Amino acid sequence: MWSLSSFTAELGRLLQGISTTSILDKRKAIEDFFWLIEEYKVSFFAQELRTTVPVSEKRLRERMMEVERMG
């Protein structure tokens, strides 16, 4: 089971691996992953606000793997 801190750490790792030559699609995917993590936080800490997109641990893992496959 992944925790919020695991996803945040993974985001940090992905951000460290980004360079000025990284493709635009990868940068956008990392940004989307960041916002999905933020929505995940809302689902835990401010449930009454509701998330703007469906979010779950499974969706976060899938998005993370998509970004990693981008190279």
PDB file of N, CA and C in Angstrom:
ATOM      1  N   MET A   1       0.846  -1.193   0.000  1.00  0.00           N
ATOM      2  CA  MET A   1       0.000   0.000   0.000  1.00  0.00           C
ATOM      3  C   MET A   1       0.883   1.247   0.000  1.00  0.00           C
ATOM      4  N   TRP A   2       0.577   2.148  -0.902  1.00  0.00           N
ATOM      5  CA  TRP A   2       1.312   3.395  -1.002  1.00  0.00           C
ATOM      6  C   TRP A   2       0.691   4.422  -0.064  1.00  0.00           C
ATOM      7  N   SER A   3       1.514   5.289   0.443  1.00  0.00           N
ATOM      8  CA  SER A   3       1.012   6.370   1.290  1.00  0.00           C
ATOM      9  C   SER A   3       1.182   7.686   0.544  1.00  0.00           C
ATOM     10  N   LEU A   4       0.578   8.710   1.063  1.00  0.00           N
ATOM     11  CA  LEU A   4       0.700  10.031   0.470  1.00  0.00           C
ATOM     12  C   LEU A   4       2.161  10.447   0.390  1.00  0.00           C
ATOM     13  N   SER A   5       2.920  10.172   1.429  1.00  0.00           N
ATOM     14  CA  SER A   5       4.338  10.546   1.419  1.00  0.00           C
ATOM     15  C   SER A   5       5.114   9.770   0.357  1.00  0.00           C
ATOM     16  N   SER A   6       4.702   8.551   0.054  1.00  0.00           N
ATOM     17  CA  SER A   6       5.355   7.771  -1.008  1.00  0.00           C
ATOM     18  C   SER A   6       5.151   8.432  -2.363  1.00  0.00           C
ATOM     19  N   PHE A   7       3.922   8.883  -2.624  1.00  0.00           N
ATOM     20  CA  PHE A   7       3.642   9.541  -3.895  1.00  0.00           C
ATOM     21  C   PHE A   7       4.375  10.883  -3.985  1.00  0.00           C
ATOM     22  N   THR A   8       4.435  11.604  -2.880  1.00  0.00           N
ATOM     23  CA  THR A   8       5.138  12.877  -2.860  1.00  0.00           C
ATOM     24  C   THR A   8       6.629  12.671  -3.104  1.00  0.00           C
ATOM     25  N   ALA A   9       7.197  11.645  -2.496  1.00  0.00           N
ATOM     26  CA  ALA A   9       8.610  11.329  -2.712  1.00  0.00           C
ATOM     27  C   ALA A   9       8.859  10.949  -4.169  1.00  0.00           C
ATOM     28  N   GLU A  10       7.956  10.187  -4.744  1.00  0.00           N
ATOM     29  CA  GLU A  10       8.083   9.796  -6.150  1.00  0.00           C
ATOM     30  C   GLU A  10       8.008  11.018  -7.058  1.00  0.00           C
ATOM     31  N   LEU A  11       7.142  11.958  -6.736  1.00  0.00           N
ATOM     32  CA  LEU A  11       7.058  13.201  -7.502  1.00  0.00           C
ATOM     33  C   LEU A  11       8.393  13.938  -7.436  1.00  0.00           C
ATOM     34  N   GLY A  12       8.982  14.010  -6.253  1.00  0.00           N
ATOM     35  CA  GLY A  12      10.289  14.656  -6.105  1.00  0.00           C
ATOM     36  C   GLY A  12      11.342  13.982  -6.960  1.00  0.00           C
ATOM     37  N   ARG A  13      11.322  12.662  -6.996  1.00  0.00           N
ATOM     38  CA  ARG A  13      12.283  11.920  -7.807  1.00  0.00           C
ATOM     39  C   ARG A  13      12.078  12.215  -9.289  1.00  0.00           C
ATOM     40  N   LEU A  14      10.823  12.257  -9.710  1.00  0.00           N
ATOM     41  CA  LEU A  14      10.528  12.567 -11.106  1.00  0.00           C
ATOM     42  C   LEU A  14      10.967  13.982 -11.472  1.00  0.00           C
ATOM     43  N   LEU A  15      10.752  14.916 -10.566  1.00  0.00           N
ATOM     44  CA  LEU A  15      11.153  16.302 -10.820  1.00  0.00           C
ATOM     45  C   LEU A  15      12.669  16.435 -10.911  1.00  0.00           C
ATOM     46  N   GLN A  16      13.400  15.679 -10.109  1.00  0.00           N
ATOM     47  CA  GLN A  16      14.859  15.732 -10.173  1.00  0.00           C
ATOM     48  C   GLN A  16      15.375  15.201 -11.503  1.00  0.00           C
ATOM     49  N   GLY A  17      14.631  14.285 -12.101  1.00  0.00           N
ATOM     50  CA  GLY A  17      15.053  13.690 -13.351  1.00  0.00           C
ATOM     51  C   GLY A  17      14.693  14.502 -14.584  1.00  0.00           C
ATOM     52  N   ILE A  18      13.978  15.602 -14.378  1.00  0.00           N
ATOM     53  CA  ILE A  18      13.568  16.421 -15.518  1.00  0.00           C
ATOM     54  C   ILE A  18      14.719  17.339 -15.897  1.00  0.00           C
ATOM     55  N   SER A  19      14.887  17.554 -17.174  1.00  0.00           N
ATOM     56  CA  SER A  19      15.940  18.456 -17.644  1.00  0.00           C
ATOM     57  C   SER A  19      15.364  19.404 -18.683  1.00  0.00           C
ATOM     58  N   THR A  20      16.184  20.323 -19.128  1.00  0.00           N
ATOM     59  CA  THR A  20      15.719  21.279 -20.138  1.00  0.00           C
ATOM     60  C   THR A  20      15.440  20.582 -21.457  1.00  0.00           C
ATOM     61  N   THR A  21      15.991  19.391 -21.641  1.00  0.00           N
ATOM     62  CA  THR A  21      15.758  18.654 -22.886  1.00  0.00           C
ATOM     63  C   THR A  21      14.613  17.651 -22.775  1.00  0.00           C
ATOM     64  N   SER A  22      14.000  17.559 -21.604  1.00  0.00           N
ATOM     65  CA  SER A  22      12.867  16.642 -21.432  1.00  0.00           C
ATOM     66  C   SER A  22      11.730  17.053 -22.367  1.00  0.00           C
ATOM     67  N   ILE A  23      11.074  16.051 -22.912  1.00  0.00           N
ATOM     68  CA  ILE A  23       9.993  16.361 -23.843  1.00  0.00           C
ATOM     69  C   ILE A  23       8.833  17.037 -23.116  1.00  0.00           C
ATOM     70  N   LEU A  24       8.146  17.857 -23.842  1.00  0.00           N
ATOM     71  CA  LEU A  24       7.030  18.620 -23.278  1.00  0.00           C
ATOM     72  C   LEU A  24       5.952  17.701 -22.717  1.00  0.00           C
ATOM     73  N   ASP A  25       5.705  16.575 -23.390  1.00  0.00           N
ATOM     74  CA  ASP A  25       4.696  15.630 -22.910  1.00  0.00           C
ATOM     75  C   ASP A  25       5.033  15.099 -21.525  1.00  0.00           C
ATOM     76  N   LYS A  26       6.313  14.846 -21.284  1.00  0.00           N
ATOM     77  CA  LYS A  26       6.725  14.339 -19.972  1.00  0.00           C
ATOM     78  C   LYS A  26       6.542  15.421 -18.914  1.00  0.00           C
ATOM     79  N   ARG A  27       6.908  16.629 -19.232  1.00  0.00           N
ATOM     80  CA  ARG A  27       6.725  17.732 -18.272  1.00  0.00           C
ATOM     81  C   ARG A  27       5.246  17.893 -17.917  1.00  0.00           C
ATOM     82  N   LYS A  28       4.397  17.815 -18.911  1.00  0.00           N
ATOM     83  CA  LYS A  28       2.947  17.935 -18.689  1.00  0.00           C
ATOM     84  C   LYS A  28       2.434  16.764 -17.852  1.00  0.00           C
ATOM     85  N   ALA A  29       2.940  15.566 -18.123  1.00  0.00           N
ATOM     86  CA  ALA A  29       2.522  14.387 -17.364  1.00  0.00           C
ATOM     87  C   ALA A  29       2.924  14.512 -15.895  1.00  0.00           C
ATOM     88  N   ILE A  30       4.115  15.053 -15.644  1.00  0.00           N
ATOM     89  CA  ILE A  30       4.560  15.251 -14.257  1.00  0.00           C
ATOM     90  C   ILE A  30       3.696  16.298 -13.572  1.00  0.00           C
ATOM     91  N   GLU A  31       3.359  17.354 -14.286  1.00  0.00           N
ATOM     92  CA  GLU A  31       2.468  18.376 -13.716  1.00  0.00           C
ATOM     93  C   GLU A  31       1.100  17.778 -13.398  1.00  0.00           C
ATOM     94  N   ASP A  32       0.574  16.969 -14.301  1.00  0.00           N
ATOM     95  CA  ASP A  32      -0.710  16.302 -14.055  1.00  0.00           C
ATOM     96  C   ASP A  32      -0.631  15.385 -12.832  1.00  0.00           C
ATOM     97  N   PHE A  33       0.498  14.682 -12.684  1.00  0.00           N
ATOM     98  CA  PHE A  33       0.715  13.814 -11.530  1.00  0.00           C
ATOM     99  C   PHE A  33       0.708  14.644 -10.243  1.00  0.00           C
ATOM    100  N   PHE A  34       1.354  15.814 -10.280  1.00  0.00           N
ATOM    101  CA  PHE A  34       1.353  16.724  -9.128  1.00  0.00           C
ATOM    102  C   PHE A  34      -0.083  17.085  -8.735  1.00  0.00           C
ATOM    103  N   TRP A  35      -0.888  17.478  -9.717  1.00  0.00           N
ATOM    104  CA  TRP A  35      -2.258  17.895  -9.413  1.00  0.00           C
ATOM    105  C   TRP A  35      -3.120  16.729  -8.949  1.00  0.00           C
ATOM    106  N   LEU A  36      -2.838  15.552  -9.439  1.00  0.00           N
ATOM    107  CA  LEU A  36      -3.568  14.372  -8.975  1.00  0.00           C
ATOM    108  C   LEU A  36      -3.236  14.095  -7.502  1.00  0.00           C
ATOM    109  N   ILE A  37      -1.986  14.303  -7.125  1.00  0.00           N
ATOM    110  CA  ILE A  37      -1.597  14.162  -5.711  1.00  0.00           C
ATOM    111  C   ILE A  37      -2.348  15.193  -4.865  1.00  0.00           C
ATOM    112  N   GLU A  38      -2.457  16.415  -5.370  1.00  0.00           N
ATOM    113  CA  GLU A  38      -3.185  17.449  -4.633  1.00  0.00           C
ATOM    114  C   GLU A  38      -4.653  17.057  -4.449  1.00  0.00           C
ATOM    115  N   GLU A  39      -5.252  16.494  -5.469  1.00  0.00           N
ATOM    116  CA  GLU A  39      -6.640  16.030  -5.361  1.00  0.00           C
ATOM    117  C   GLU A  39      -6.748  14.891  -4.346  1.00  0.00           C
ATOM    118  N   TYR A  40      -5.739  14.038  -4.320  1.00  0.00           N
ATOM    119  CA  TYR A  40      -5.700  12.937  -3.350  1.00  0.00           C
ATOM    120  C   TYR A  40      -5.675  13.494  -1.931  1.00  0.00           C
ATOM    121  N   LYS A  41      -4.929  14.561  -1.732  1.00  0.00           N
ATOM    122  CA  LYS A  41      -4.890  15.219  -0.413  1.00  0.00           C
ATOM    123  C   LYS A  41      -6.276  15.727  -0.032  1.00  0.00           C
ATOM    124  N   VAL A  42      -6.960  16.332  -0.994  1.00  0.00           N
ATOM    125  CA  VAL A  42      -8.323  16.825  -0.732  1.00  0.00           C
ATOM    126  C   VAL A  42      -9.218  15.670  -0.312  1.00  0.00           C
ATOM    127  N   SER A  43      -9.061  14.535  -0.977  1.00  0.00           N
ATOM    128  CA  SER A  43      -9.916  13.394  -0.657  1.00  0.00           C
ATOM    129  C   SER A  43      -9.704  12.892   0.771  1.00  0.00           C
ATOM    130  N   PHE A  44      -8.528  13.166   1.330  1.00  0.00           N
ATOM    131  CA  PHE A  44      -8.244  12.755   2.705  1.00  0.00           C
ATOM    132  C   PHE A  44      -8.578  13.840   3.722  1.00  0.00           C
ATOM    133  N   PHE A  45      -8.126  15.057   3.452  1.00  0.00           N
ATOM    134  CA  PHE A  45      -8.138  16.090   4.480  1.00  0.00           C
ATOM    135  C   PHE A  45      -9.279  17.096   4.373  1.00  0.00           C
ATOM    136  N   ALA A  46      -9.957  17.133   3.231  1.00  0.00           N
ATOM    137  CA  ALA A  46     -11.051  18.088   3.065  1.00  0.00           C
ATOM    138  C   ALA A  46     -12.151  17.454   2.214  1.00  0.00           C
ATOM    139  N   GLN A  47     -12.628  16.338   2.678  1.00  0.00           N
ATOM    140  CA  GLN A  47     -13.594  15.557   1.906  1.00  0.00           C
ATOM    141  C   GLN A  47     -14.834  16.349   1.518  1.00  0.00           C
ATOM    142  N   GLU A  48     -15.209  17.291   2.353  1.00  0.00           N
ATOM    143  CA  GLU A  48     -16.411  18.065   2.056  1.00  0.00           C
ATOM    144  C   GLU A  48     -16.243  18.925   0.803  1.00  0.00           C
ATOM    145  N   LEU A  49     -15.007  19.181   0.388  1.00  0.00           N
ATOM    146  CA  LEU A  49     -14.765  19.968  -0.826  1.00  0.00           C
ATOM    147  C   LEU A  49     -14.950  19.147  -2.098  1.00  0.00           C
ATOM    148  N   ARG A  50     -14.785  17.851  -1.990  1.00  0.00           N
ATOM    149  CA  ARG A  50     -14.865  16.924  -3.132  1.00  0.00           C
ATOM    150  C   ARG A  50     -13.736  17.200  -4.120  1.00  0.00           C
ATOM    151  N   THR A  51     -13.328  16.167  -4.798  1.00  0.00           N
ATOM    152  CA  THR A  51     -12.264  16.303  -5.790  1.00  0.00           C
ATOM    153  C   THR A  51     -12.863  16.662  -7.144  1.00  0.00           C
ATOM    154  N   THR A  52     -12.060  17.309  -7.968  1.00  0.00           N
ATOM    155  CA  THR A  52     -12.555  17.699  -9.294  1.00  0.00           C
ATOM    156  C   THR A  52     -12.463  16.552 -10.295  1.00  0.00           C
ATOM    157  N   VAL A  53     -11.603  15.572  -9.986  1.00  0.00           N
ATOM    158  CA  VAL A  53     -11.454  14.375 -10.828  1.00  0.00           C
ATOM    159  C   VAL A  53     -11.455  13.156  -9.914  1.00  0.00           C
ATOM    160  N   PRO A  54     -11.861  12.014 -10.422  1.00  0.00           N
ATOM    161  CA  PRO A  54     -11.782  10.802  -9.604  1.00  0.00           C
ATOM    162  C   PRO A  54     -10.318  10.505  -9.281  1.00  0.00           C
ATOM    163  N   VAL A  55     -10.042  10.211  -8.028  1.00  0.00           N
ATOM    164  CA  VAL A  55      -8.661   9.959  -7.610  1.00  0.00           C
ATOM    165  C   VAL A  55      -8.634   8.802  -6.625  1.00  0.00           C
ATOM    166  N   SER A  56      -7.612   7.988  -6.779  1.00  0.00           N
ATOM    167  CA  SER A  56      -7.422   6.853  -5.886  1.00  0.00           C
ATOM    168  C   SER A  56      -5.955   6.471  -5.920  1.00  0.00           C
ATOM    169  N   GLU A  57      -5.579   5.613  -4.998  1.00  0.00           N
ATOM    170  CA  GLU A  57      -4.209   5.113  -4.975  1.00  0.00           C
ATOM    171  C   GLU A  57      -3.883   4.425  -6.304  1.00  0.00           C
ATOM    172  N   LYS A  58      -4.828   3.661  -6.807  1.00  0.00           N
ATOM    173  CA  LYS A  58      -4.623   2.947  -8.073  1.00  0.00           C
ATOM    174  C   LYS A  58      -4.379   3.926  -9.228  1.00  0.00           C
ATOM    175  N   ARG A  59      -5.188   4.967  -9.311  1.00  0.00           N
ATOM    176  CA  ARG A  59      -5.007   5.962 -10.375  1.00  0.00           C
ATOM    177  C   ARG A  59      -3.658   6.665 -10.253  1.00  0.00           C
ATOM    178  N   LEU A  60      -3.240   6.962  -9.037  1.00  0.00           N
ATOM    179  CA  LEU A  60      -1.938   7.593  -8.832  1.00  0.00           C
ATOM    180  C   LEU A  60      -0.806   6.677  -9.283  1.00  0.00           C
ATOM    181  N   ARG A  61      -0.879   5.410  -8.919  1.00  0.00           N
ATOM    182  CA  ARG A  61       0.159   4.455  -9.340  1.00  0.00           C
ATOM    183  C   ARG A  61       0.207   4.336 -10.857  1.00  0.00           C
ATOM    184  N   GLU A  62      -0.965   4.278 -11.477  1.00  0.00           N
ATOM    185  CA  GLU A  62      -1.018   4.173 -12.940  1.00  0.00           C
ATOM    186  C   GLU A  62      -0.407   5.403 -13.602  1.00  0.00           C
ATOM    187  N   ARG A  63      -0.753   6.574 -13.110  1.00  0.00           N
ATOM    188  CA  ARG A  63      -0.202   7.819 -13.676  1.00  0.00           C
ATOM    189  C   ARG A  63       1.301   7.877 -13.477  1.00  0.00           C
ATOM    190  N   MET A  64       1.770   7.477 -12.313  1.00  0.00           N
ATOM    191  CA  MET A  64       3.192   7.451 -12.017  1.00  0.00           C
ATOM    192  C   MET A  64       3.937   6.535 -12.993  1.00  0.00           C
ATOM    193  N   MET A  65       3.382   5.373 -13.253  1.00  0.00           N
ATOM    194  CA  MET A  65       4.014   4.431 -14.176  1.00  0.00           C
ATOM    195  C   MET A  65       4.006   4.967 -15.611  1.00  0.00           C
ATOM    196  N   GLU A  66       2.958   5.697 -15.989  1.00  0.00           N
ATOM    197  CA  GLU A  66       2.920   6.299 -17.309  1.00  0.00           C
ATOM    198  C   GLU A  66       4.072   7.291 -17.474  1.00  0.00           C
ATOM    199  N   VAL A  67       4.280   8.106 -16.458  1.00  0.00           N
ATOM    200  CA  VAL A  67       5.364   9.090 -16.527  1.00  0.00           C
ATOM    201  C   VAL A  67       6.716   8.386 -16.601  1.00  0.00           C
ATOM    202  N   GLU A  68       6.901   7.346 -15.795  1.00  0.00           N
ATOM    203  CA  GLU A  68       8.170   6.619 -15.808  1.00  0.00           C
ATOM    204  C   GLU A  68       8.441   5.980 -17.162  1.00  0.00           C
ATOM    205  N   ARG A  69       7.404   5.506 -17.839  1.00  0.00           N
ATOM    206  CA  ARG A  69       7.584   4.895 -19.160  1.00  0.00           C
ATOM    207  C   ARG A  69       8.000   5.906 -20.218  1.00  0.00           C
ATOM    208  N   MET A  70       7.772   7.169 -19.947  1.00  0.00           N
ATOM    209  CA  MET A  70       8.144   8.202 -20.913  1.00  0.00           C
ATOM    210  C   MET A  70       9.657   8.375 -21.022  1.00  0.00           C
ATOM    211  N   GLY A  71      10.361   7.790 -20.102  1.00  0.00           N
ATOM    212  CA  GLY A  71      11.824   7.840 -20.168  1.00  0.00           C
ATOM    213  C   GLY A  71      12.449   9.040 -19.577  1.00  0.00           C
TER     214      GLY A  71
END
